[in-house]
């Protein structure tokens, strides 16, 4: 399937980035604002969704209720055990503690652009990343990993763990969040380096192409002129202009 032309891709990008943010937070997470803006600043890339990574406590819905969950705690930065205990106070449902790593979805103009993002992501540690092809030539890149943590805390209001275990979970999640932040920064650095190398390669190719065209034009021009006939001298004259016949005159 052919890649969309520049105008079509630009239209898709404008529609996506101008649409209302339907996420629960309603805006880009602070830790990845610079990264998202950088990606959206590229002519051939734009993000469709993202999360910097988060620690949460949520109440699961029971089967008789609608699908989904109620958030009791949500943090995109380091959490505290006391905050988790406070979130569980007076809760009568089934609560789960969870850490989720960075995830980002981006639409790319070509499969080559997606491969470049994939390379940057895998090298940074996001080894569960992948590329998918959609309708109308849409190329999607998903950056993700299996760097997760999930544990039940209560069941119908009955606590399943004690405070020490909650402290352990929070410490483990904070450690994963710190590693997650390092991976995001590595991905950002990798992406900038690969894009810079790509731009230099294109520029070098253009310069070489222009040089080759100039040389070819010069060769054709020389071919039309024929051999150079300037400064052709009679073999009877030496380099200093003395007539050879004069040297032997009278001998």
C-alpha atoms as a PDB file:
ATOM      1  CA  UNK A   1       0.000   0.000   0.000  1.00  0.00           C
ATOM      2  CA  UNK A   2       1.421   3.352  -1.028  1.00  0.00           C
ATOM      3  CA  UNK A   3       2.318   5.926   1.602  1.00  0.00           C
ATOM      4  CA  UNK A   4       0.115   9.040   1.747  1.00  0.00           C
ATOM      5  CA  UNK A   5       1.440  12.139   0.038  1.00  0.00           C
ATOM      6  CA  UNK A   6       2.673  15.073   2.098  1.00  0.00           C
ATOM      7  CA  UNK A   7      -0.601  16.999   1.827  1.00  0.00           C
ATOM      8  CA  UNK A   8      -2.753  14.059   2.935  1.00  0.00           C
ATOM      9  CA  UNK A   9      -0.480  13.268   5.873  1.00  0.00           C
ATOM     10  CA  UNK A  10      -0.475  16.929   6.925  1.00  0.00           C
ATOM     11  CA  UNK A  11      -4.285  16.885   6.909  1.00  0.00           C
ATOM     12  CA  UNK A  12      -4.397  13.804   9.140  1.00  0.00           C
ATOM     13  CA  UNK A  13      -1.891  15.399  11.484  1.00  0.00           C
ATOM     14  CA  UNK A  14      -3.809  18.666  11.749  1.00  0.00           C
ATOM     15  CA  UNK A  15      -7.077  16.851  12.471  1.00  0.00           C
ATOM     16  CA  UNK A  16      -5.522  14.706  15.191  1.00  0.00           C
ATOM     17  CA  UNK A  17      -3.576  17.433  16.995  1.00  0.00           C
ATOM     18  CA  UNK A  18      -6.472  19.897  16.925  1.00  0.00           C
ATOM     19  CA  UNK A  19      -8.989  17.402  18.350  1.00  0.00           C
ATOM     20  CA  UNK A  20     -10.123  17.521  21.987  1.00  0.00           C
ATOM     21  CA  UNK A  21      -7.959  15.483  24.370  1.00  0.00           C
ATOM     22  CA  UNK A  22     -10.315  12.761  25.605  1.00  0.00           C
ATOM     23  CA  UNK A  23      -7.939  11.273  28.175  1.00  0.00           C
ATOM     24  CA  UNK A  24      -8.873  11.335  31.856  1.00  0.00           C
ATOM     25  CA  UNK A  25      -6.180  13.933  32.551  1.00  0.00           C
ATOM     26  CA  UNK A  26      -7.006  16.004  29.466  1.00  0.00           C
ATOM     27  CA  UNK A  27      -3.419  17.028  28.712  1.00  0.00           C
ATOM     28  CA  UNK A  28       0.075  15.673  28.052  1.00  0.00           C
ATOM     29  CA  UNK A  29       1.863  14.379  31.154  1.00  0.00           C
ATOM     30  CA  UNK A  30       4.474  16.876  32.351  1.00  0.00           C
ATOM     31  CA  UNK A  31       7.467  14.452  32.236  1.00  0.00           C
ATOM     32  CA  UNK A  32       7.051  13.893  28.471  1.00  0.00           C
ATOM     33  CA  UNK A  33       5.829  17.292  27.216  1.00  0.00           C
ATOM     34  CA  UNK A  34       9.193  18.076  25.582  1.00  0.00           C
ATOM     35  CA  UNK A  35       9.369  14.649  23.928  1.00  0.00           C
ATOM     36  CA  UNK A  36       5.811  14.822  22.557  1.00  0.00           C
ATOM     37  CA  UNK A  37       6.348  18.357  21.247  1.00  0.00           C
ATOM     38  CA  UNK A  38       9.571  17.241  19.557  1.00  0.00           C
ATOM     39  CA  UNK A  39       7.839  14.354  17.789  1.00  0.00           C
ATOM     40  CA  UNK A  40       4.937  16.552  16.711  1.00  0.00           C
ATOM     41  CA  UNK A  41       7.439  19.080  15.392  1.00  0.00           C
ATOM     42  CA  UNK A  42       8.623  16.559  12.785  1.00  0.00           C
ATOM     43  CA  UNK A  43       6.956  16.879   9.387  1.00  0.00           C
ATOM     44  CA  UNK A  44       6.491  13.113   9.020  1.00  0.00           C
ATOM     45  CA  UNK A  45       5.430  12.143  12.591  1.00  0.00           C
ATOM     46  CA  UNK A  46       2.708  12.941  15.119  1.00  0.00           C
ATOM     47  CA  UNK A  47       1.502  11.404  18.376  1.00  0.00           C
ATOM     48  CA  UNK A  48      -2.008  10.026  18.827  1.00  0.00           C
ATOM     49  CA  UNK A  49      -1.825   9.074  22.537  1.00  0.00           C
ATOM     50  CA  UNK A  50       0.723   8.889  25.337  1.00  0.00           C
ATOM     51  CA  UNK A  51       1.325   8.293  29.051  1.00  0.00           C
ATOM     52  CA  UNK A  52       4.585   9.032  30.832  1.00  0.00           C
ATOM     53  CA  UNK A  53       4.137   6.103  33.228  1.00  0.00           C
ATOM     54  CA  UNK A  54       2.049   6.017  36.399  1.00  0.00           C
ATOM     55  CA  UNK A  55       1.411   4.496  39.802  1.00  0.00           C
ATOM     56  CA  UNK A  56      -2.245   3.957  40.639  1.00  0.00           C
ATOM     57  CA  UNK A  57      -4.756   2.365  42.963  1.00  0.00           C
ATOM     58  CA  UNK A  58      -8.101   1.612  41.383  1.00  0.00           C
ATOM     59  CA  UNK A  59     -11.356  -0.049  42.392  1.00  0.00           C
ATOM     60  CA  UNK A  60     -12.488  -2.793  40.064  1.00  0.00           C
ATOM     61  CA  UNK A  61     -16.061  -2.856  38.836  1.00  0.00           C
ATOM     62  CA  UNK A  62     -18.059  -5.960  39.618  1.00  0.00           C
ATOM     63  CA  UNK A  63     -19.632  -8.000  36.855  1.00  0.00           C
ATOM     64  CA  UNK A  64     -23.094  -6.644  37.484  1.00  0.00           C
ATOM     65  CA  UNK A  65     -21.829  -3.094  37.000  1.00  0.00           C
ATOM     66  CA  UNK A  66     -20.500  -1.371  33.920  1.00  0.00           C
ATOM     67  CA  UNK A  67     -17.020  -2.072  32.667  1.00  0.00           C
ATOM     68  CA  UNK A  68     -14.124   0.063  33.821  1.00  0.00           C
ATOM     69  CA  UNK A  69     -12.783   1.177  37.198  1.00  0.00           C
ATOM     70  CA  UNK A  70     -12.771   4.003  39.710  1.00  0.00           C
ATOM     71  CA  UNK A  71      -9.414   5.619  40.399  1.00  0.00           C
ATOM     72  CA  UNK A  72      -8.585   5.953  44.087  1.00  0.00           C
ATOM     73  CA  UNK A  73      -5.029   7.236  43.519  1.00  0.00           C
ATOM     74  CA  UNK A  74      -3.094   8.312  40.440  1.00  0.00           C
ATOM     75  CA  UNK A  75       0.478   9.628  40.277  1.00  0.00           C
ATOM     76  CA  UNK A  76       2.926  10.201  37.418  1.00  0.00           C
ATOM     77  CA  UNK A  77       5.701  10.802  39.953  1.00  0.00           C
ATOM     78  CA  UNK A  78       7.043   8.924  42.998  1.00  0.00           C
ATOM     79  CA  UNK A  79       4.304   7.727  45.356  1.00  0.00           C
ATOM     80  CA  UNK A  80       4.164   7.290  49.146  1.00  0.00           C
ATOM     81  CA  UNK A  81       2.833   4.325  51.091  1.00  0.00           C
ATOM     82  CA  UNK A  82       0.758   6.620  53.290  1.00  0.00           C
ATOM     83  CA  UNK A  83      -1.020   7.991  50.213  1.00  0.00           C
ATOM     84  CA  UNK A  84      -2.021   4.455  49.259  1.00  0.00           C
ATOM     85  CA  UNK A  85      -3.313   3.720  52.773  1.00  0.00           C
ATOM     86  CA  UNK A  86      -5.323   6.948  52.714  1.00  0.00           C
ATOM     87  CA  UNK A  87      -6.838   6.027  49.338  1.00  0.00           C
ATOM     88  CA  UNK A  88      -8.035   2.731  50.808  1.00  0.00           C
ATOM     89  CA  UNK A  89      -9.718   4.261  53.830  1.00  0.00           C
ATOM     90  CA  UNK A  90     -13.463   3.605  53.889  1.00  0.00           C
ATOM     91  CA  UNK A  91     -13.248   1.763  50.573  1.00  0.00           C
ATOM     92  CA  UNK A  92     -15.610  -1.210  50.454  1.00  0.00           C
ATOM     93  CA  UNK A  93     -14.811  -2.525  46.998  1.00  0.00           C
ATOM     94  CA  UNK A  94     -11.962  -4.506  45.469  1.00  0.00           C
ATOM     95  CA  UNK A  95      -8.819  -2.408  45.060  1.00  0.00           C
ATOM     96  CA  UNK A  96      -5.707  -3.079  42.951  1.00  0.00           C
ATOM     97  CA  UNK A  97      -2.258  -1.449  43.076  1.00  0.00           C
ATOM     98  CA  UNK A  98      -0.588  -0.994  39.696  1.00  0.00           C
ATOM     99  CA  UNK A  99       2.474   0.478  38.014  1.00  0.00           C
ATOM    100  CA  UNK A 100       2.271   1.073  34.246  1.00  0.00           C
ATOM    101  CA  UNK A 101       5.290   2.158  32.171  1.00  0.00           C
ATOM    102  CA  UNK A 102       5.598   4.803  29.466  1.00  0.00           C
ATOM    103  CA  UNK A 103       3.505   4.217  26.370  1.00  0.00           C
ATOM    104  CA  UNK A 104       3.246   6.299  23.220  1.00  0.00           C
ATOM    105  CA  UNK A 105       1.445   5.831  19.908  1.00  0.00           C
ATOM    106  CA  UNK A 106       2.528   7.797  16.859  1.00  0.00           C
ATOM    107  CA  UNK A 107       1.457   7.894  13.251  1.00  0.00           C
ATOM    108  CA  UNK A 108       4.294   7.896  10.730  1.00  0.00           C
ATOM    109  CA  UNK A 109       4.161   8.906   7.099  1.00  0.00           C
ATOM    110  CA  UNK A 110       6.194   5.929   5.853  1.00  0.00           C
ATOM    111  CA  UNK A 111       7.273   2.525   7.113  1.00  0.00           C
ATOM    112  CA  UNK A 112      10.882   3.806   7.069  1.00  0.00           C
ATOM    113  CA  UNK A 113       9.961   6.558   9.549  1.00  0.00           C
ATOM    114  CA  UNK A 114       8.293   3.971  11.799  1.00  0.00           C
ATOM    115  CA  UNK A 115      11.371   1.746  11.648  1.00  0.00           C
ATOM    116  CA  UNK A 116      13.530   4.636  12.788  1.00  0.00           C
ATOM    117  CA  UNK A 117      11.269   5.233  15.814  1.00  0.00           C
ATOM    118  CA  UNK A 118      11.203   1.497  16.516  1.00  0.00           C
ATOM    119  CA  UNK A 119      14.998   1.361  16.506  1.00  0.00           C
ATOM    120  CA  UNK A 120      15.213   4.265  18.955  1.00  0.00           C
ATOM    121  CA  UNK A 121      12.628   2.636  21.240  1.00  0.00           C
ATOM    122  CA  UNK A 122      14.119  -0.876  21.301  1.00  0.00           C
ATOM    123  CA  UNK A 123      17.611   0.471  21.949  1.00  0.00           C
ATOM    124  CA  UNK A 124      16.206   2.399  24.930  1.00  0.00           C
ATOM    125  CA  UNK A 125      14.661  -0.727  26.475  1.00  0.00           C
ATOM    126  CA  UNK A 126      11.093  -0.586  25.138  1.00  0.00           C
ATOM    127  CA  UNK A 127      11.347  -4.052  23.616  1.00  0.00           C
ATOM    128  CA  UNK A 128       7.610  -4.648  23.342  1.00  0.00           C
ATOM    129  CA  UNK A 129       7.289  -1.889  20.744  1.00  0.00           C
ATOM    130  CA  UNK A 130       5.781  -2.612  17.345  1.00  0.00           C
ATOM    131  CA  UNK A 131       4.573  -1.297  13.995  1.00  0.00           C
ATOM    132  CA  UNK A 132       1.101  -1.803  12.537  1.00  0.00           C
ATOM    133  CA  UNK A 133      -0.357  -0.947   9.138  1.00  0.00           C
ATOM    134  CA  UNK A 134      -3.902   0.392   8.950  1.00  0.00           C
ATOM    135  CA  UNK A 135      -6.392   1.520   6.357  1.00  0.00           C
ATOM    136  CA  UNK A 136      -5.524   4.119   3.720  1.00  0.00           C
ATOM    137  CA  UNK A 137      -1.795   3.575   4.175  1.00  0.00           C
ATOM    138  CA  UNK A 138      -1.707   4.611   7.830  1.00  0.00           C
ATOM    139  CA  UNK A 139       1.471   3.476   9.591  1.00  0.00           C
ATOM    140  CA  UNK A 140       1.275   3.349  13.398  1.00  0.00           C
ATOM    141  CA  UNK A 141       4.160   2.994  15.849  1.00  0.00           C
ATOM    142  CA  UNK A 142       3.495   1.801  19.423  1.00  0.00           C
ATOM    143  CA  UNK A 143       6.244   2.280  22.016  1.00  0.00           C
ATOM    144  CA  UNK A 144       5.725   0.119  25.092  1.00  0.00           C
ATOM    145  CA  UNK A 145       7.334  -2.386  27.446  1.00  0.00           C
ATOM    146  CA  UNK A 146       6.412  -5.158  29.888  1.00  0.00           C
ATOM    147  CA  UNK A 147       7.990  -3.249  32.787  1.00  0.00           C
ATOM    148  CA  UNK A 148       4.790  -3.465  34.886  1.00  0.00           C
ATOM    149  CA  UNK A 149       3.649  -4.316  38.404  1.00  0.00           C
ATOM    150  CA  UNK A 150       0.160  -5.242  39.617  1.00  0.00           C
ATOM    151  CA  UNK A 151      -1.132  -6.625  42.922  1.00  0.00           C
ATOM    152  CA  UNK A 152      -4.580  -6.889  44.573  1.00  0.00           C
ATOM    153  CA  UNK A 153      -4.958  -4.971  47.832  1.00  0.00           C
ATOM    154  CA  UNK A 154      -8.508  -5.699  48.959  1.00  0.00           C
ATOM    155  CA  UNK A 155     -11.514  -7.819  48.064  1.00  0.00           C
ATOM    156  CA  UNK A 156     -15.007  -6.426  48.736  1.00  0.00           C
ATOM    157  CA  UNK A 157     -13.581  -4.184  51.431  1.00  0.00           C
ATOM    158  CA  UNK A 158     -11.455  -6.881  53.109  1.00  0.00           C
ATOM    159  CA  UNK A 159      -7.758  -6.021  53.164  1.00  0.00           C
ATOM    160  CA  UNK A 160      -5.591  -8.756  51.665  1.00  0.00           C
ATOM    161  CA  UNK A 161      -2.211  -7.259  52.600  1.00  0.00           C
ATOM    162  CA  UNK A 162      -0.736  -5.369  55.518  1.00  0.00           C
ATOM    163  CA  UNK A 163       0.899  -1.940  55.626  1.00  0.00           C
ATOM    164  CA  UNK A 164       4.423  -3.411  55.352  1.00  0.00           C
ATOM    165  CA  UNK A 165       3.521  -5.101  52.079  1.00  0.00           C
ATOM    166  CA  UNK A 166       2.011  -1.891  50.742  1.00  0.00           C
ATOM    167  CA  UNK A 167       5.285  -0.103  51.602  1.00  0.00           C
ATOM    168  CA  UNK A 168       7.140  -2.820  49.705  1.00  0.00           C
ATOM    169  CA  UNK A 169       4.886  -2.420  46.653  1.00  0.00           C
ATOM    170  CA  UNK A 170       5.278   1.356  46.638  1.00  0.00           C
ATOM    171  CA  UNK A 171       9.091   1.117  46.897  1.00  0.00           C
ATOM    172  CA  UNK A 172       9.177  -1.400  44.039  1.00  0.00           C
ATOM    173  CA  UNK A 173       6.900   0.770  41.878  1.00  0.00           C
ATOM    174  CA  UNK A 174       9.008   3.870  42.582  1.00  0.00           C
ATOM    175  CA  UNK A 175      12.095   1.949  41.453  1.00  0.00           C
ATOM    176  CA  UNK A 176      10.354   0.926  38.245  1.00  0.00           C
ATOM    177  CA  UNK A 177       9.207   4.501  37.662  1.00  0.00           C
ATOM    178  CA  UNK A 178      12.792   5.720  38.020  1.00  0.00           C
ATOM    179  CA  UNK A 179      13.991   3.162  35.476  1.00  0.00           C
ATOM    180  CA  UNK A 180      11.070   4.122  33.253  1.00  0.00           C
ATOM    181  CA  UNK A 181      12.171   7.769  33.286  1.00  0.00           C
ATOM    182  CA  UNK A 182      15.707   6.730  32.290  1.00  0.00           C
ATOM    183  CA  UNK A 183      14.362   4.722  29.374  1.00  0.00           C
ATOM    184  CA  UNK A 184      12.241   7.644  28.196  1.00  0.00           C
ATOM    185  CA  UNK A 185      15.287   9.911  28.201  1.00  0.00           C
ATOM    186  CA  UNK A 186      17.337   7.303  26.313  1.00  0.00           C
ATOM    187  CA  UNK A 187      14.566   6.989  23.745  1.00  0.00           C
ATOM    188  CA  UNK A 188      14.448  10.780  23.351  1.00  0.00           C
ATOM    189  CA  UNK A 189      18.233  10.962  22.881  1.00  0.00           C
ATOM    190  CA  UNK A 190      18.247   8.012  20.465  1.00  0.00           C
ATOM    191  CA  UNK A 191      15.452   9.519  18.391  1.00  0.00           C
ATOM    192  CA  UNK A 192      17.165  12.899  18.106  1.00  0.00           C
ATOM    193  CA  UNK A 193      20.451  11.254  17.111  1.00  0.00           C
ATOM    194  CA  UNK A 194      18.863   9.002  14.486  1.00  0.00           C
ATOM    195  CA  UNK A 195      16.875  11.875  12.983  1.00  0.00           C
ATOM    196  CA  UNK A 196      20.024  14.031  12.891  1.00  0.00           C
ATOM    197  CA  UNK A 197      21.977  11.253  11.162  1.00  0.00           C
ATOM    198  CA  UNK A 198      19.138  10.806   8.685  1.00  0.00           C
ATOM    199  CA  UNK A 199      19.096  14.534   7.873  1.00  0.00           C
ATOM    200  CA  UNK A 200      22.882  14.553   7.382  1.00  0.00           C
ATOM    201  CA  UNK A 201      22.655  11.504   5.128  1.00  0.00           C
ATOM    202  CA  UNK A 202      19.959  13.130   2.975  1.00  0.00           C
ATOM    203  CA  UNK A 203      21.963  16.360   2.767  1.00  0.00           C
ATOM    204  CA  UNK A 204      25.131  14.461   1.819  1.00  0.00           C
ATOM    205  CA  UNK A 205      23.216  12.525  -0.833  1.00  0.00           C
ATOM    206  CA  UNK A 206      21.787  15.751  -2.281  1.00  0.00           C
ATOM    207  CA  UNK A 207      25.234  17.361  -2.401  1.00  0.00           C
ATOM    208  CA  UNK A 208      26.752  14.311  -4.098  1.00  0.00           C
ATOM    209  CA  UNK A 209      23.860  14.149  -6.562  1.00  0.00           C
ATOM    210  CA  UNK A 210      24.340  17.814  -7.433  1.00  0.00           C
ATOM    211  CA  UNK A 211      28.092  17.271  -7.844  1.00  0.00           C
ATOM    212  CA  UNK A 212      27.515  14.291 -10.127  1.00  0.00           C
ATOM    213  CA  UNK A 213      25.087  16.294 -12.270  1.00  0.00           C
ATOM    214  CA  UNK A 214      27.622  19.122 -12.563  1.00  0.00           C
ATOM    215  CA  UNK A 215      30.392  16.715 -13.593  1.00  0.00           C
ATOM    216  CA  UNK A 216      28.138  15.044 -16.149  1.00  0.00           C
ATOM    217  CA  UNK A 217      27.164  18.413 -17.652  1.00  0.00           C
ATOM    218  CA  UNK A 218      30.834  19.431 -17.824  1.00  0.00           C
ATOM    219  CA  UNK A 219      31.751  16.126 -19.535  1.00  0.00           C
ATOM    220  CA  UNK A 220      29.029  16.577 -22.157  1.00  0.00           C
ATOM    221  CA  UNK A 221      30.171  20.152 -22.784  1.00  0.00           C
ATOM    222  CA  UNK A 222      33.784  19.035 -23.293  1.00  0.00           C
ATOM    223  CA  UNK A 223      32.638  16.268 -25.632  1.00  0.00           C
ATOM    224  CA  UNK A 224      30.828  18.804 -27.859  1.00  0.00           C
ATOM    225  CA  UNK A 225      33.938  21.066 -28.044  1.00  0.00           C
ATOM    226  CA  UNK A 226      36.228  18.301 -29.263  1.00  0.00           C
ATOM    227  CA  UNK A 227      39.972  17.993 -28.426  1.00  0.00           C
ATOM    228  CA  UNK A 228      41.834  21.024 -27.124  1.00  0.00           C
ATOM    229  CA  UNK A 229      43.783  22.667 -30.027  1.00  0.00           C
ATOM    230  CA  UNK A 230      45.330  25.575 -28.155  1.00  0.00           C
ATOM    231  CA  UNK A 231      49.096  26.248 -28.243  1.00  0.00           C
ATOM    232  CA  UNK A 232      49.968  23.713 -30.977  1.00  0.00           C
ATOM    233  CA  UNK A 233      53.509  24.406 -32.246  1.00  0.00           C
ATOM    234  CA  UNK A 234      55.458  23.316 -35.310  1.00  0.00           C
ATOM    235  CA  UNK A 235      57.932  20.586 -34.443  1.00  0.00           C
ATOM    236  CA  UNK A 236      60.641  22.675 -36.155  1.00  0.00           C
ATOM    237  CA  UNK A 237      60.562  25.217 -33.294  1.00  0.00           C
ATOM    238  CA  UNK A 238      62.196  24.654 -29.946  1.00  0.00           C
ATOM    239  CA  UNK A 239      60.554  25.689 -26.682  1.00  0.00           C
ATOM    240  CA  UNK A 240      62.504  28.966 -26.580  1.00  0.00           C
ATOM    241  CA  UNK A 241      61.284  30.007 -30.039  1.00  0.00           C
ATOM    242  CA  UNK A 242      64.695  29.538 -31.851  1.00  0.00           C
ATOM    243  CA  UNK A 243      64.366  28.355 -35.475  1.00  0.00           C
ATOM    244  CA  UNK A 244      66.118  25.008 -35.815  1.00  0.00           C
ATOM    245  CA  UNK A 245      67.196  25.814 -39.392  1.00  0.00           C
ATOM    246  CA  UNK A 246      69.260  28.762 -38.068  1.00  0.00           C
ATOM    247  CA  UNK A 247      71.363  26.429 -35.949  1.00  0.00           C
ATOM    248  CA  UNK A 248      72.637  24.539 -38.978  1.00  0.00           C
ATOM    249  CA  UNK A 249      72.856  27.431 -41.411  1.00  0.00           C
ATOM    250  CA  UNK A 250      76.232  27.520 -43.139  1.00  0.00           C
ATOM    251  CA  UNK A 251      77.363  24.134 -41.844  1.00  0.00           C
END
